[in-house]
Every structure is written in C-alpha cells, then in structure tokens.
Amino acid sequence: MTATMKALRAHRRGGPEQLVYEDAPVPYPGPGEVLVAVHAAAITFAELSWDLSWTHSDGTDRTPVIPSHEVSGTVAAVGAGVTRPTVGEEVYGLVAFDRDGAAAEYVTVPAEALAGKPRSVPHALAAALPLAALTAFQALHEYAEIKPGETVLVHGGAGGVGVYGVQLAVIAGATVIATDVGTQAPFVRNLGAGRFVDVTREQFDDVVRDVDVVLDTVGGATLERSFAALRPGGRLVTLSAPPPAGLAERYGVRASFFVVRPDSAQLGELAYLVDAGRLRPIVSRTFPVSEGRQAYESGALPRPPGKTVLIVR
C-alpha cells in the first residue's frame, strides 16, 4: 500500500466550493479500527454546514477534512484488538461526522460501526443505506416502538430518510400514510405507502387523524401541525430539531428528537432485509469521487429520490 491516496478534501470551512480532489496521507487504523478500501461513499448535502464536520469534540479546528460518511468497501487492514471483520471482507457502515469521511480511497472506521455488506447489491447501492436507513430504523423501533397493525404517518416519503421510513414501517406490519409533492406519489406508493397526501394540494392535518406514529423528516410548521394528527398516546419522532416545548403534553402524546448513531447489529439487520428482497436501497445519482465538488453542488438542483453516491473504485 502506498503512503498517499486520492481524496476529496476541504482546507477551510465553507460549502462545496472549498472541496478539492488531491493527494492525502493514507490513514492508519488504531486500536479497534478498520482500514476500509472504499468502493463507494454516499453524501449528505447538509453535512458541510455542521460544526461536527469541521471541528474536534473540544471545538478545535480539524481541517483539512474529508467529507462523505456512508461507506461501502473492502477491509484492507485492521488495528489492534479487531477480530471481526477480517481483511478482504466486504463491509459497509456509518462513519461518525467528527472524523474524516469516505470520499477517499481509504478510510478508518471503528469496527463496531461496520457490518457485512449486503451481498445482493453492488457497493454503490450499499453505500446509500447506512445513515438514512439506520435513522429510519432507530426512529421507528427505538423511539416510536412501532407495533404491527399501527398506522404511521411519514413526512417526506420520497426523501433520503423517508424512503426507508416507508419501507421499514411496512416491513414492521404498519399501515403507512406518506406526504410529499404530488409528482412523487407513484414512487412512494411503490415503496409500500397505502395512502399518499400531496402537500401541494391539501393540508395533511385536514385529512389525517388518529395515527399511532408520526415520523417527521421535514420539521418547522410540519412538525408543529403533526401533533394534531396523532391519537392520544401516540408517538412522534422528529429528525430536524427538538419539538417545541409543551406541545406533547398539550396533545397527550410522546415526542422525541435524536441523532443517529452507528450500530453494527442494526446494519446487519438492514443487510439481511436487503438480501431477502424486502428493503430496497435508493440511489438518486452517482458521480466519480474526482467530481465530488459537483456532487455536493447538485444538492440545490431537482433530482430523483434517494442518495447521491460517489464512486471511488
């Protein structure tokens, strides 16, 4: 292995205009870490605006940084104490946002943040899963504690997390109502939504009542109006910001906000569902990693549902 690799990096804080494709040192796996030869990496358009993307936990600057924190690749080396995965194994996972990401030929990842890659799909599709699918899985199963037979309202059913929220709720035995713009109706229904609300034509809180669970990926006014759509004792999980104080108590419901965490066991469950043909990874567009700046700039353009993925190998 050479001492340098090609990587997409930013040397100062900013947006996509700061990203350059250049030589960088190959990272070394420390204790408990795995060095992954990256095949594909999915991007999160908002990550360049997050403090965690630019600073250490103590707030100090850590530039130059490498973005893109969903990875699929092959284990190239392991650090001390790592027994699984092994060199040569295909893996995928979520890289914490306060460390360098996967828009590079190699990335180091804690072993506990990886799982075996779904065998039935290529790396580009596997890379589209970790952040969005884990978020939906944790929202539905850990925070909403979804049960078979319940009704779930998913806001933004064609969005990055929404596409997995719809699918995973259906897999859990729920009836799904999804909101989005009308052009996405056929796509979202194909994911399993039994009912679709076109937010450009009607107010969801005028036509949806007494649902058991709301998965809110939109925030703002949509979040506040969602409380009225829940039955007493229902559960709301939002991903944008903590819910306004007092609303949960006023409506007699439970409201949660959380930030996704890496979880090897849950990644394994998601891989199983993909290989069983029950969960479909969704990719919007792909770019070679050398065109990473253009990939991040494409977030402002109309694009198909799903993740934008960088192809590295």
Protein backbone atom coordinates (compact mmCIF):
# COMPACT_ATOMS: atom_id res chain seq x y z
CA MET A 1 0.00 0.00 0.00
CA THR A 2 1.32 3.45 -0.88
CA ALA A 3 1.67 6.23 1.67
CA THR A 4 -0.70 8.54 -0.21
CA MET A 5 -4.16 8.25 -1.68
CA LYS A 6 -6.56 10.38 -3.67
CA ALA A 7 -9.19 12.13 -1.57
CA LEU A 8 -11.78 14.88 -1.66
CA ARG A 9 -10.77 17.46 0.95
CA ALA A 10 -11.61 20.93 2.25
CA HIS A 11 -8.85 23.05 3.78
CA ARG A 12 -11.13 25.76 5.15
CA ARG A 13 -14.70 25.83 6.36
CA GLY A 14 -17.34 26.52 3.74
CA GLY A 15 -19.51 24.89 1.12
CA PRO A 16 -18.78 22.76 -1.95
CA GLU A 17 -16.54 25.49 -3.36
CA GLN A 18 -13.91 24.50 -0.76
CA LEU A 19 -13.66 20.89 -1.95
CA VAL A 20 -10.58 19.81 -3.90
CA TYR A 21 -9.58 16.37 -5.21
CA GLU A 22 -5.94 15.84 -4.25
CA ASP A 23 -3.30 13.61 -2.71
CA ALA A 24 -3.65 12.92 1.01
CA PRO A 25 -1.98 10.59 3.53
CA VAL A 26 -3.43 7.10 3.84
CA PRO A 27 -4.87 6.84 7.39
CA TYR A 28 -3.63 4.18 9.79
CA PRO A 29 -6.11 2.05 11.76
CA GLY A 30 -5.73 2.46 15.51
CA PRO A 31 -6.87 0.02 18.19
CA GLY A 32 -10.40 -1.17 17.46
CA GLU A 33 -10.37 0.38 14.00
CA VAL A 34 -10.55 -0.99 10.46
CA LEU A 35 -8.95 0.43 7.32
CA VAL A 36 -11.51 0.20 4.51
CA ALA A 37 -10.60 0.38 0.84
CA VAL A 38 -13.53 2.50 -0.29
CA HIS A 39 -15.60 1.44 -3.29
CA ALA A 40 -18.48 3.89 -2.85
CA ALA A 41 -19.47 6.65 -0.44
CA ALA A 42 -22.81 8.43 -0.08
CA ILE A 43 -23.03 12.12 0.71
CA THR A 44 -25.29 14.18 2.96
CA PHE A 45 -25.75 17.61 1.43
CA ALA A 46 -26.19 19.38 4.78
CA GLU A 47 -23.02 17.97 6.34
CA LEU A 48 -20.83 20.87 5.20
CA SER A 49 -22.94 23.19 7.37
CA TRP A 50 -22.49 21.15 10.57
CA ASP A 51 -19.95 22.08 13.25
CA LEU A 52 -19.07 18.40 13.72
CA SER A 53 -17.86 18.25 10.13
CA TRP A 54 -15.14 20.80 10.84
CA THR A 55 -14.11 20.55 14.49
CA HIS A 56 -12.95 18.07 17.09
CA SER A 57 -15.18 17.30 20.07
CA ASP A 58 -13.41 20.08 22.02
CA GLY A 59 -14.28 22.61 19.32
CA THR A 60 -10.80 22.94 17.82
CA ASP A 61 -10.38 23.06 14.06
CA ARG A 62 -9.53 19.78 12.32
CA THR A 63 -9.11 20.89 8.70
CA PRO A 64 -8.27 19.63 6.18
CA VAL A 65 -11.31 17.37 6.34
CA ILE A 66 -12.66 14.60 4.13
CA PRO A 67 -16.48 14.51 3.79
CA SER A 68 -18.99 11.74 2.99
CA HIS A 69 -19.75 9.43 5.91
CA GLU A 70 -21.56 6.43 4.46
CA VAL A 71 -19.15 3.84 3.13
CA SER A 72 -19.11 0.53 1.32
CA GLY A 73 -15.84 -1.20 0.59
CA THR A 74 -13.37 -3.94 1.44
CA VAL A 75 -11.31 -4.35 4.60
CA ALA A 76 -7.67 -3.57 3.77
CA ALA A 77 -6.18 -3.79 7.29
CA VAL A 78 -7.27 -3.99 10.92
CA GLY A 79 -5.98 -2.36 14.08
CA ALA A 80 -5.07 -3.96 17.37
CA GLY A 81 -7.84 -5.92 19.04
CA VAL A 82 -10.02 -6.33 15.96
CA THR A 83 -11.11 -9.90 15.25
CA ARG A 84 -14.08 -9.09 13.01
CA PRO A 85 -14.32 -8.02 10.26
CA THR A 86 -11.31 -9.60 8.62
CA VAL A 87 -9.04 -8.46 5.80
CA GLY A 88 -10.74 -8.96 2.44
CA GLU A 89 -14.29 -8.88 3.82
CA GLU A 90 -16.82 -6.61 2.12
CA VAL A 91 -18.32 -4.20 4.65
CA TYR A 92 -20.49 -1.12 4.87
CA GLY A 93 -21.19 1.34 7.62
CA LEU A 94 -21.56 4.81 9.06
CA VAL A 95 -18.52 6.99 9.82
CA ALA A 96 -19.04 9.44 12.69
CA PHE A 97 -19.27 13.03 11.49
CA ASP A 98 -16.48 14.28 13.76
CA ARG A 99 -13.86 12.22 11.89
CA ASP A 100 -12.71 12.04 8.28
CA GLY A 101 -15.23 10.52 5.91
CA ALA A 102 -15.11 8.15 2.96
CA ALA A 103 -14.67 10.44 -0.06
CA ALA A 104 -11.21 8.92 -0.46
CA GLU A 105 -9.50 5.72 -1.49
CA TYR A 106 -9.21 4.66 2.17
CA VAL A 107 -10.95 5.49 5.44
CA THR A 108 -10.54 4.27 9.01
CA VAL A 109 -13.72 3.27 10.83
CA PRO A 110 -14.30 1.73 14.28
CA ALA A 111 -15.09 -1.95 13.78
CA GLU A 112 -18.30 -1.52 15.79
CA ALA A 113 -19.59 0.91 13.14
CA LEU A 114 -19.37 -1.66 10.32
CA ALA A 115 -21.27 -4.76 9.23
CA GLY A 116 -21.08 -7.18 6.36
CA LYS A 117 -22.20 -5.52 3.14
CA PRO A 118 -25.50 -6.74 1.63
CA ARG A 119 -24.36 -9.46 -0.77
CA SER A 120 -27.13 -8.95 -3.32
CA VAL A 121 -26.38 -5.35 -4.29
CA PRO A 122 -23.30 -3.50 -5.59
CA HIS A 123 -21.27 -1.15 -3.41
CA ALA A 124 -22.98 1.94 -4.84
CA LEU A 125 -26.35 0.75 -3.54
CA ALA A 126 -24.96 -0.47 -0.22
CA ALA A 127 -23.41 2.96 0.42
CA ALA A 128 -26.86 4.56 0.15
CA LEU A 129 -28.09 2.75 3.27
CA PRO A 130 -26.14 3.45 6.48
CA LEU A 131 -27.15 6.97 7.52
CA ALA A 132 -30.68 7.18 6.14
CA ALA A 133 -31.78 3.59 6.76
CA LEU A 134 -30.26 3.49 10.26
CA THR A 135 -32.02 6.78 11.07
CA ALA A 136 -35.37 5.37 9.97
CA PHE A 137 -34.77 2.07 11.77
CA GLN A 138 -33.83 3.74 15.07
CA ALA A 139 -36.69 6.25 14.80
CA LEU A 140 -39.30 3.55 14.28
CA HIS A 141 -38.02 0.78 16.53
CA GLU A 142 -36.17 2.54 19.37
CA TYR A 143 -38.05 5.81 19.72
CA ALA A 144 -41.54 5.17 18.29
CA GLU A 145 -41.55 1.50 19.37
CA ILE A 146 -43.68 0.66 16.36
CA LYS A 147 -46.08 -2.31 16.61
CA PRO A 148 -47.74 -4.44 13.92
CA GLY A 149 -51.13 -3.11 12.89
CA GLU A 150 -50.40 0.51 13.75
CA THR A 151 -50.74 3.44 11.36
CA VAL A 152 -47.62 5.51 10.65
CA LEU A 153 -47.51 8.94 9.01
CA VAL A 154 -44.18 9.53 7.23
CA HIS A 155 -43.46 13.12 6.20
CA GLY A 156 -41.25 13.43 3.14
CA GLY A 157 -41.84 9.89 1.90
CA ALA A 158 -39.57 10.42 -1.11
CA GLY A 159 -36.77 12.00 0.95
CA GLY A 160 -33.48 10.46 1.98
CA VAL A 161 -34.81 9.05 5.27
CA GLY A 162 -38.44 8.92 4.20
CA VAL A 163 -37.90 6.23 1.56
CA TYR A 164 -36.62 3.90 4.29
CA GLY A 165 -39.20 5.05 6.82
CA VAL A 166 -41.97 3.97 4.47
CA GLN A 167 -40.36 0.62 3.68
CA LEU A 168 -39.35 -0.25 7.25
CA ALA A 169 -42.77 0.69 8.64
CA VAL A 170 -44.42 -1.63 6.11
CA ILE A 171 -41.93 -4.39 6.97
CA ALA A 172 -42.88 -3.92 10.64
CA GLY A 173 -46.52 -4.59 9.79
CA ALA A 174 -47.78 -1.00 9.85
CA THR A 175 -50.14 0.82 7.52
CA VAL A 176 -48.32 3.83 6.04
CA ILE A 177 -49.57 7.26 5.09
CA ALA A 178 -46.88 9.34 3.37
CA THR A 179 -46.69 13.02 2.46
CA ASP A 180 -44.69 14.64 -0.33
CA VAL A 181 -45.21 16.59 -3.55
CA GLY A 182 -47.66 15.01 -5.97
CA THR A 183 -45.11 14.02 -8.60
CA GLN A 184 -43.64 11.54 -6.10
CA ALA A 185 -46.93 9.70 -5.49
CA PRO A 186 -46.30 6.69 -7.79
CA PHE A 187 -42.78 6.21 -6.42
CA VAL A 188 -43.84 6.42 -2.75
CA ARG A 189 -46.82 4.13 -3.28
CA ASN A 190 -44.48 1.63 -4.92
CA LEU A 191 -42.42 1.65 -1.69
CA GLY A 192 -45.49 0.42 0.16
CA ALA A 193 -47.41 3.52 1.27
CA GLY A 194 -51.11 2.72 1.37
CA ARG A 195 -52.13 6.37 1.21
CA PHE A 196 -50.39 9.44 -0.21
CA VAL A 197 -51.05 13.08 0.66
CA ASP A 198 -49.94 15.65 -1.92
CA VAL A 199 -48.78 18.60 0.18
CA THR A 200 -49.15 20.96 -2.79
CA ARG A 201 -52.90 20.28 -2.95
CA GLU A 202 -54.08 19.67 0.61
CA GLN A 203 -53.10 20.16 4.22
CA PHE A 204 -52.24 16.80 5.76
CA ASP A 205 -53.67 17.79 9.15
CA ASP A 206 -57.06 18.41 7.49
CA VAL A 207 -57.28 14.83 6.20
CA VAL A 208 -55.17 12.69 8.54
CA ARG A 209 -56.29 11.92 12.10
CA ASP A 210 -55.62 9.45 14.92
CA VAL A 211 -52.40 7.92 13.63
CA ASP A 212 -50.26 5.98 16.08
CA VAL A 213 -46.86 7.26 14.94
CA VAL A 214 -45.51 10.27 13.05
CA LEU A 215 -42.03 10.14 11.54
CA ASP A 216 -41.19 13.77 10.74
CA THR A 217 -38.26 14.38 8.38
CA VAL A 218 -39.33 17.92 7.47
CA GLY A 219 -39.54 19.99 10.67
CA GLY A 220 -40.81 23.54 11.07
CA ALA A 221 -44.55 24.05 10.63
CA THR A 222 -44.95 20.44 9.51
CA LEU A 223 -43.64 19.27 12.86
CA GLU A 224 -45.95 21.55 14.85
CA ARG A 225 -49.04 20.59 12.81
CA SER A 226 -48.26 16.88 13.18
CA PHE A 227 -49.32 16.77 16.82
CA ALA A 228 -52.97 17.20 15.82
CA ALA A 229 -52.73 14.14 13.53
CA LEU A 230 -51.82 11.80 16.40
CA ARG A 231 -54.22 9.84 18.55
CA PRO A 232 -53.98 10.37 22.32
CA GLY A 233 -50.98 8.37 23.49
CA GLY A 234 -49.40 8.43 20.04
CA ARG A 235 -45.69 8.91 19.38
CA LEU A 236 -43.90 11.49 17.26
CA VAL A 237 -40.25 11.26 16.24
CA THR A 238 -38.64 14.24 14.54
CA LEU A 239 -35.20 14.49 12.96
CA SER A 240 -34.83 18.22 12.33
CA ALA A 241 -34.77 19.77 15.81
CA PRO A 242 -36.21 19.14 19.27
CA PRO A 243 -40.01 19.55 19.27
CA PRO A 244 -41.46 22.77 20.71
CA ALA A 245 -41.84 22.63 24.47
CA GLY A 246 -45.29 21.86 25.79
CA LEU A 247 -46.92 20.51 22.62
CA ALA A 248 -46.56 16.84 23.57
CA GLU A 249 -48.19 17.46 26.94
CA ARG A 250 -50.99 19.52 25.38
CA TYR A 251 -51.92 16.74 22.96
CA GLY A 252 -51.25 13.86 25.34
CA VAL A 253 -48.57 12.25 23.15
CA ARG A 254 -44.88 11.40 23.35
CA ALA A 255 -42.37 13.35 21.22
CA SER A 256 -38.71 12.52 20.58
CA PHE A 257 -35.74 14.00 18.75
CA PHE A 258 -32.49 12.13 18.22
CA VAL A 259 -29.30 11.94 16.18
CA VAL A 260 -28.49 8.63 14.51
CA ARG A 261 -25.62 6.54 15.85
CA PRO A 262 -23.58 3.78 14.17
CA ASP A 263 -24.79 0.29 15.13
CA SER A 264 -23.27 -2.88 13.69
CA ALA A 265 -26.14 -5.17 14.69
CA GLN A 266 -28.74 -2.90 13.10
CA LEU A 267 -26.64 -2.59 9.95
CA GLY A 268 -26.61 -6.38 9.87
CA GLU A 269 -30.40 -6.46 10.12
CA LEU A 270 -30.71 -3.95 7.28
CA ALA A 271 -28.33 -6.00 5.13
CA TYR A 272 -30.46 -9.09 5.82
CA LEU A 273 -33.61 -7.26 4.72
CA VAL A 274 -31.91 -6.11 1.51
CA ASP A 275 -30.68 -9.62 0.70
CA ALA A 276 -34.14 -11.01 1.42
CA GLY A 277 -35.58 -8.64 -1.18
CA ARG A 278 -37.67 -6.75 1.39
CA LEU A 279 -35.72 -3.46 1.60
CA ARG A 280 -34.66 -1.53 -1.50
CA PRO A 281 -31.69 0.88 -1.42
CA ILE A 282 -32.45 4.06 -3.36
CA VAL A 283 -29.76 5.94 -5.30
CA SER A 284 -30.50 9.30 -6.89
CA ARG A 285 -27.29 9.96 -8.84
CA THR A 286 -23.68 8.80 -8.93
CA PHE A 287 -20.51 10.81 -9.51
CA PRO A 288 -16.87 9.74 -9.67
CA VAL A 289 -15.15 10.92 -6.50
CA SER A 290 -12.95 13.17 -8.63
CA GLU A 291 -16.15 15.15 -9.34
CA GLY A 292 -17.08 15.34 -5.67
CA ARG A 293 -17.41 19.11 -5.68
CA GLN A 294 -20.04 18.88 -8.45
CA ALA A 295 -21.80 16.13 -6.49
CA TYR A 296 -22.19 18.38 -3.45
CA GLU A 297 -23.29 21.28 -5.65
CA SER A 298 -26.04 19.09 -7.16
CA GLY A 299 -27.96 19.22 -3.89
CA ALA A 300 -29.51 22.51 -4.96
CA LEU A 301 -30.92 21.01 -8.18
CA PRO A 302 -34.12 18.99 -8.69
CA ARG A 303 -33.09 15.35 -8.54
CA PRO A 304 -34.68 11.91 -8.27
CA PRO A 305 -35.32 10.43 -4.80
CA GLY A 306 -32.50 8.71 -2.94
CA LYS A 307 -28.88 9.23 -2.04
CA THR A 308 -26.17 10.82 -4.17
CA VAL A 309 -23.20 8.43 -4.23
CA LEU A 310 -19.53 8.93 -5.02
CA ILE A 311 -17.87 6.08 -6.91
CA VAL A 312 -14.29 5.56 -5.69
CA ARG A 313 -13.34 2.13 -7.08
